[in-house]
Amino acid sequence: MDDYPLLDLFWTMLEFFLWVLWFFLLFKIITDIFRSQDLGGWGKAGWTIFVILLPFLGVFVYVIARGRSMGERDLEQARRTDAAFKAYVRDAAASPGGGGGGGGPTSHADELAKLADLKSSGALTEVEYQRAKDKLLA
């Protein structure tokens, strides 16, 4: 290791990181090919073969030809993921207990009616009923 100069070490590290970056780009393009809705089966097969058999040329041509739509597909995927997450949060917050454990959303009026039924059946005392009602309305 003593005969390996520091500049050569930096050059080797740069080559390694560029190699790793190249594989990230290659995998990103392959996933984009299969995610694309506007390409048919033959188009996907052609791009995949082109990118695998001639990787440098295939990746550069793909980025030039479909780079803009690649970014648009990424944004659309991010929007769909965000919308699905927000819908899940709304659904989980609306379900009783907040855990998504089934059942539909309940309102404060439904909860108060249940408390009143428990009080009238004798399952709750007046103090317990008032405490539960105050907690519900808080």
C-alpha atoms as a PDB file:
ATOM      1  CA  MET A   1       0.000   0.000   0.000  1.00  0.00           C
ATOM      2  CA  ASP A   2       3.026   2.261   0.379  1.00  0.00           C
ATOM      3  CA  ASP A   3       3.658   2.341  -3.372  1.00  0.00           C
ATOM      4  CA  TYR A   4       0.054   3.417  -4.202  1.00  0.00           C
ATOM      5  CA  PRO A   5      -0.023   7.253  -4.380  1.00  0.00           C
ATOM      6  CA  LEU A   6      -2.781   9.250  -2.716  1.00  0.00           C
ATOM      7  CA  LEU A   7      -3.958  10.729  -6.026  1.00  0.00           C
ATOM      8  CA  ASP A   8      -4.359   7.228  -7.444  1.00  0.00           C
ATOM      9  CA  LEU A   9      -6.430   6.319  -4.393  1.00  0.00           C
ATOM     10  CA  PHE A  10      -8.733   9.304  -5.038  1.00  0.00           C
ATOM     11  CA  TRP A  11      -8.952   8.351  -8.722  1.00  0.00           C
ATOM     12  CA  THR A  12      -9.879   4.769  -7.814  1.00  0.00           C
ATOM     13  CA  MET A  13     -12.562   5.988  -5.400  1.00  0.00           C
ATOM     14  CA  LEU A  14     -13.977   8.292  -8.070  1.00  0.00           C
ATOM     15  CA  GLU A  15     -14.110   5.426 -10.572  1.00  0.00           C
ATOM     16  CA  PHE A  16     -15.837   3.213  -8.001  1.00  0.00           C
ATOM     17  CA  PHE A  17     -18.475   5.830  -7.142  1.00  0.00           C
ATOM     18  CA  LEU A  18     -19.121   6.546 -10.824  1.00  0.00           C
ATOM     19  CA  TRP A  19     -19.508   2.809 -11.405  1.00  0.00           C
ATOM     20  CA  VAL A  20     -22.067   2.574  -8.577  1.00  0.00           C
ATOM     21  CA  LEU A  21     -23.847   5.668  -9.917  1.00  0.00           C
ATOM     22  CA  TRP A  22     -23.964   4.052 -13.355  1.00  0.00           C
ATOM     23  CA  PHE A  23     -25.718   0.984 -11.947  1.00  0.00           C
ATOM     24  CA  PHE A  24     -28.240   3.159 -10.092  1.00  0.00           C
ATOM     25  CA  LEU A  25     -29.010   4.945 -13.350  1.00  0.00           C
ATOM     26  CA  LEU A  26     -29.277   1.661 -15.241  1.00  0.00           C
ATOM     27  CA  PHE A  27     -31.721   0.191 -12.702  1.00  0.00           C
ATOM     28  CA  LYS A  28     -33.714   3.444 -12.631  1.00  0.00           C
ATOM     29  CA  ILE A  29     -34.090   3.333 -16.405  1.00  0.00           C
ATOM     30  CA  ILE A  30     -35.072  -0.336 -16.438  1.00  0.00           C
ATOM     31  CA  THR A  31     -37.771   0.286 -13.814  1.00  0.00           C
ATOM     32  CA  ASP A  32     -38.946   3.334 -15.773  1.00  0.00           C
ATOM     33  CA  ILE A  33     -39.240   1.232 -18.934  1.00  0.00           C
ATOM     34  CA  PHE A  34     -41.546  -1.241 -17.227  1.00  0.00           C
ATOM     35  CA  ARG A  35     -43.507   1.469 -15.368  1.00  0.00           C
ATOM     36  CA  SER A  36     -44.230   3.439 -18.528  1.00  0.00           C
ATOM     37  CA  GLN A  37     -47.871   3.225 -19.630  1.00  0.00           C
ATOM     38  CA  ASP A  38     -47.299   4.734 -23.077  1.00  0.00           C
ATOM     39  CA  LEU A  39     -44.936   1.957 -24.237  1.00  0.00           C
ATOM     40  CA  GLY A  40     -46.343  -1.282 -25.558  1.00  0.00           C
ATOM     41  CA  GLY A  41     -44.855  -4.704 -25.010  1.00  0.00           C
ATOM     42  CA  TRP A  42     -42.599  -4.527 -28.077  1.00  0.00           C
ATOM     43  CA  GLY A  43     -41.394  -1.066 -27.124  1.00  0.00           C
ATOM     44  CA  LYS A  44     -40.529  -2.213 -23.611  1.00  0.00           C
ATOM     45  CA  ALA A  45     -38.771  -5.289 -24.967  1.00  0.00           C
ATOM     46  CA  GLY A  46     -36.822  -3.212 -27.495  1.00  0.00           C
ATOM     47  CA  TRP A  47     -35.683  -0.617 -24.960  1.00  0.00           C
ATOM     48  CA  THR A  48     -34.738  -3.342 -22.469  1.00  0.00           C
ATOM     49  CA  ILE A  49     -32.667  -5.229 -25.023  1.00  0.00           C
ATOM     50  CA  PHE A  50     -31.035  -1.981 -26.192  1.00  0.00           C
ATOM     51  CA  VAL A  51     -30.177  -0.940 -22.622  1.00  0.00           C
ATOM     52  CA  ILE A  52     -28.835  -4.385 -21.674  1.00  0.00           C
ATOM     53  CA  LEU A  53     -26.864  -5.196 -24.833  1.00  0.00           C
ATOM     54  CA  LEU A  54     -25.402  -1.707 -25.366  1.00  0.00           C
ATOM     55  CA  PRO A  55     -25.591  -0.244 -21.857  1.00  0.00           C
ATOM     56  CA  PHE A  56     -23.724   3.044 -22.327  1.00  0.00           C
ATOM     57  CA  LEU A  57     -25.321   3.939 -25.629  1.00  0.00           C
ATOM     58  CA  GLY A  58     -28.727   2.575 -24.603  1.00  0.00           C
ATOM     59  CA  VAL A  59     -28.856   4.553 -21.367  1.00  0.00           C
ATOM     60  CA  PHE A  60     -27.713   7.782 -23.011  1.00  0.00           C
ATOM     61  CA  VAL A  61     -30.205   7.437 -25.858  1.00  0.00           C
ATOM     62  CA  TYR A  62     -32.992   6.604 -23.409  1.00  0.00           C
ATOM     63  CA  VAL A  63     -32.218   9.637 -21.243  1.00  0.00           C
ATOM     64  CA  ILE A  64     -32.138  11.889 -24.313  1.00  0.00           C
ATOM     65  CA  ALA A  65     -35.275  10.428 -25.906  1.00  0.00           C
ATOM     66  CA  ARG A  66     -37.453   9.840 -22.835  1.00  0.00           C
ATOM     67  CA  GLY A  67     -35.790  11.798 -20.030  1.00  0.00           C
ATOM     68  CA  ARG A  68     -38.517  14.427 -19.746  1.00  0.00           C
ATOM     69  CA  SER A  69     -41.338  11.891 -19.655  1.00  0.00           C
ATOM     70  CA  MET A  70     -39.288   9.885 -17.154  1.00  0.00           C
ATOM     71  CA  GLY A  71     -39.412  12.839 -14.759  1.00  0.00           C
ATOM     72  CA  GLU A  72     -43.143  13.271 -15.365  1.00  0.00           C
ATOM     73  CA  ARG A  73     -43.741   9.602 -14.557  1.00  0.00           C
ATOM     74  CA  ASP A  74     -41.752  10.030 -11.339  1.00  0.00           C
ATOM     75  CA  LEU A  75     -43.888  13.021 -10.351  1.00  0.00           C
ATOM     76  CA  GLU A  76     -47.105  11.177 -11.172  1.00  0.00           C
ATOM     77  CA  GLN A  77     -45.987   8.192  -9.112  1.00  0.00           C
ATOM     78  CA  ALA A  78     -45.156  10.509  -6.200  1.00  0.00           C
ATOM     79  CA  ARG A  79     -48.602  12.124  -6.487  1.00  0.00           C
ATOM     80  CA  ARG A  80     -50.338   8.731  -6.497  1.00  0.00           C
ATOM     81  CA  THR A  81     -48.329   7.579  -3.500  1.00  0.00           C
ATOM     82  CA  ASP A  82     -49.095  10.799  -1.623  1.00  0.00           C
ATOM     83  CA  ALA A  83     -52.813  10.546  -2.439  1.00  0.00           C
ATOM     84  CA  ALA A  84     -52.914   6.914  -1.297  1.00  0.00           C
ATOM     85  CA  PHE A  85     -51.144   7.814   1.944  1.00  0.00           C
ATOM     86  CA  LYS A  86     -53.532  10.699   2.633  1.00  0.00           C
ATOM     87  CA  ALA A  87     -56.543   8.489   1.898  1.00  0.00           C
ATOM     88  CA  TYR A  88     -55.183   5.868   4.279  1.00  0.00           C
ATOM     89  CA  VAL A  89     -54.654   8.451   7.020  1.00  0.00           C
ATOM     90  CA  ARG A  90     -58.176   9.826   6.528  1.00  0.00           C
ATOM     91  CA  ASP A  91     -59.622   6.316   6.640  1.00  0.00           C
ATOM     92  CA  ALA A  92     -57.630   5.377   9.739  1.00  0.00           C
ATOM     93  CA  ALA A  93     -58.585   8.606  11.507  1.00  0.00           C
ATOM     94  CA  ALA A  94     -62.273   8.135  10.694  1.00  0.00           C
ATOM     95  CA  SER A  95     -62.476   4.566  11.968  1.00  0.00           C
ATOM     96  CA  PRO A  96     -63.307   3.936  15.620  1.00  0.00           C
ATOM     97  CA  GLY A  97     -60.215   3.707  17.756  1.00  0.00           C
ATOM     98  CA  GLY A  98     -58.126   5.254  14.984  1.00  0.00           C
ATOM     99  CA  GLY A  99     -56.556   1.922  14.204  1.00  0.00           C
ATOM    100  CA  GLY A 100     -58.451   0.976  11.094  1.00  0.00           C
ATOM    101  CA  GLY A 101     -60.025  -1.935  12.955  1.00  0.00           C
ATOM    102  CA  GLY A 102     -63.125  -2.146  10.770  1.00  0.00           C
ATOM    103  CA  GLY A 103     -66.469  -0.462  11.028  1.00  0.00           C
ATOM    104  CA  GLY A 104     -67.471   2.876   9.623  1.00  0.00           C
ATOM    105  CA  PRO A 105     -66.886   6.353  10.964  1.00  0.00           C
ATOM    106  CA  THR A 106     -68.784   7.359  14.098  1.00  0.00           C
ATOM    107  CA  SER A 107     -69.811  10.835  15.098  1.00  0.00           C
ATOM    108  CA  HIS A 108     -69.889  12.486  18.503  1.00  0.00           C
ATOM    109  CA  ALA A 109     -73.677  12.149  18.486  1.00  0.00           C
ATOM    110  CA  ASP A 110     -73.403   8.369  18.089  1.00  0.00           C
ATOM    111  CA  GLU A 111     -70.901   8.177  20.929  1.00  0.00           C
ATOM    112  CA  LEU A 112     -73.106  10.328  23.170  1.00  0.00           C
ATOM    113  CA  ALA A 113     -76.097   8.097  22.355  1.00  0.00           C
ATOM    114  CA  LYS A 114     -74.092   5.034  23.363  1.00  0.00           C
ATOM    115  CA  LEU A 115     -73.072   6.715  26.622  1.00  0.00           C
ATOM    116  CA  ALA A 116     -76.697   7.648  27.343  1.00  0.00           C
ATOM    117  CA  ASP A 117     -77.784   4.050  26.721  1.00  0.00           C
ATOM    118  CA  LEU A 118     -75.094   2.775  29.084  1.00  0.00           C
ATOM    119  CA  LYS A 119     -76.181   5.270  31.734  1.00  0.00           C
ATOM    120  CA  SER A 120     -79.875   4.401  31.366  1.00  0.00           C
ATOM    121  CA  SER A 121     -79.107   0.659  31.567  1.00  0.00           C
ATOM    122  CA  GLY A 122     -77.188   1.248  34.789  1.00  0.00           C
ATOM    123  CA  ALA A 123     -73.788   0.250  33.409  1.00  0.00           C
ATOM    124  CA  LEU A 124     -72.456   3.772  34.084  1.00  0.00           C
ATOM    125  CA  THR A 125     -72.983   5.936  37.139  1.00  0.00           C
ATOM    126  CA  GLU A 126     -73.745   9.636  36.789  1.00  0.00           C
ATOM    127  CA  VAL A 127     -70.146  10.573  37.619  1.00  0.00           C
ATOM    128  CA  GLU A 128     -68.723   8.102  35.055  1.00  0.00           C
ATOM    129  CA  TYR A 129     -71.205   9.315  32.466  1.00  0.00           C
ATOM    130  CA  GLN A 130     -70.254  12.992  33.014  1.00  0.00           C
ATOM    131  CA  ARG A 131     -66.536  12.172  32.916  1.00  0.00           C
ATOM    132  CA  ALA A 132     -66.900  10.187  29.651  1.00  0.00           C
ATOM    133  CA  LYS A 133     -69.089  12.906  28.134  1.00  0.00           C
ATOM    134  CA  ASP A 134     -66.605  15.630  29.056  1.00  0.00           C
ATOM    135  CA  LYS A 135     -63.757  13.587  27.606  1.00  0.00           C
ATOM    136  CA  LEU A 136     -65.697  13.018  24.396  1.00  0.00           C
ATOM    137  CA  LEU A 137     -66.635  16.667  23.966  1.00  0.00           C
ATOM    138  CA  ALA A 138     -63.167  17.965  24.844  1.00  0.00           C
END
